[in-house]
Amino acid sequence: MNKEEYHMYSRNSRSVYVYRYHDTNSWGCEYYENQVVDGEHKKVFIAAEQYPQHSERWAEDCADNYVFGIKSFPNNQTTGQ
């Protein structure tokens, strides 16, 4: 997959990378969370989403929603608050 990182959002234990996917001409996000794994704090991959018919601004809004706790996934351990 041919992608280029455009933005990075971070707040508390959550972080998001906003990408431009050149092969599909779309935007998307990769979501991460700092979690304790085997007694150590690690950045854990949570999910990835592509937004094929949406703009860069849409992906940025998704990133904002995640780091502020509006958007979550089943394997999140924090609320983003």
Protein backbone atom coordinates (compact mmCIF):
# COMPACT_ATOMS: atom_id res chain seq x y z
CA MET A 1 0.00 0.00 0.00
CA ASN A 2 1.50 3.30 -1.09
CA LYS A 3 0.77 5.84 1.67
CA GLU A 4 2.20 9.12 2.89
CA GLU A 5 1.85 10.51 6.40
CA TYR A 6 0.32 13.99 6.44
CA HIS A 7 -0.60 14.66 10.07
CA MET A 8 -0.18 13.25 13.56
CA TYR A 9 -2.62 13.93 16.40
CA SER A 10 -1.97 13.05 20.03
CA ARG A 11 -3.69 13.61 23.36
CA ASN A 12 -3.17 11.77 26.63
CA SER A 13 -2.65 8.10 25.72
CA ARG A 14 -4.17 8.23 22.21
CA SER A 15 -2.52 9.06 18.91
CA VAL A 16 -3.54 9.02 15.24
CA TYR A 17 -1.65 9.25 11.98
CA VAL A 18 -3.52 10.70 9.00
CA TYR A 19 -2.39 9.23 5.67
CA ARG A 20 -2.92 9.88 2.00
CA TYR A 21 -3.22 6.54 0.19
CA HIS A 22 -1.86 7.18 -3.29
CA ASP A 23 -2.83 3.84 -4.82
CA THR A 24 -6.54 4.41 -4.02
CA ASN A 25 -6.44 8.23 -4.05
CA SER A 26 -8.07 8.30 -0.61
CA TRP A 27 -7.46 9.46 2.95
CA GLY A 28 -7.34 7.39 6.11
CA CYS A 29 -6.17 7.07 9.69
CA GLU A 30 -4.20 4.66 11.82
CA TYR A 31 -5.23 4.70 15.46
CA TYR A 32 -2.94 3.90 18.41
CA GLU A 33 -3.13 3.88 22.18
CA ASN A 34 -0.47 3.70 24.88
CA GLN A 35 -1.24 0.63 26.96
CA VAL A 36 0.56 -1.38 29.61
CA VAL A 37 1.71 -4.63 28.01
CA ASP A 38 3.67 -7.11 30.12
CA GLY A 39 4.34 -4.37 32.66
CA GLU A 40 5.66 -1.87 30.09
CA HIS A 41 4.02 1.11 28.42
CA LYS A 42 3.81 0.48 24.67
CA LYS A 43 2.14 2.14 21.70
CA VAL A 44 -0.44 -0.42 20.57
CA PHE A 45 -2.08 -0.43 17.13
CA ILE A 46 -5.85 -0.18 17.57
CA ALA A 47 -7.36 0.15 14.09
CA ALA A 48 -6.95 1.52 10.58
CA GLU A 49 -9.64 3.09 8.44
CA GLN A 50 -9.71 4.42 4.89
CA TYR A 51 -12.22 7.02 3.74
CA PRO A 52 -12.34 6.57 -0.06
CA GLN A 53 -14.93 9.21 -0.82
CA HIS A 54 -14.00 11.76 1.79
CA SER A 55 -11.54 14.63 2.05
CA GLU A 56 -8.41 15.28 4.07
CA ARG A 57 -10.56 17.39 6.41
CA TRP A 58 -12.82 14.36 7.05
CA ALA A 59 -9.79 12.27 8.08
CA GLU A 60 -8.58 15.12 10.33
CA ASP A 61 -12.00 15.27 12.00
CA CYS A 62 -11.89 11.50 12.60
CA ALA A 63 -8.46 11.93 14.20
CA ASP A 64 -9.71 14.75 16.43
CA ASN A 65 -12.73 12.69 17.47
CA TYR A 66 -10.49 9.78 18.46
CA VAL A 67 -7.97 11.70 20.56
CA PHE A 68 -10.77 13.55 22.38
CA GLY A 69 -12.65 10.31 23.13
CA ILE A 70 -15.65 10.90 20.86
CA LYS A 71 -14.61 7.98 18.65
CA SER A 72 -13.49 4.67 20.17
CA PHE A 73 -12.91 1.07 19.17
CA PRO A 74 -13.68 -2.16 21.10
CA ASN A 75 -10.01 -2.76 22.02
CA ASN A 76 -9.43 0.70 23.50
CA GLN A 77 -8.55 0.69 27.19
CA THR A 78 -8.99 4.45 27.68
CA THR A 79 -11.79 6.90 27.07
CA GLY A 80 -9.54 9.60 25.62
CA GLN A 81 -10.54 11.91 28.46
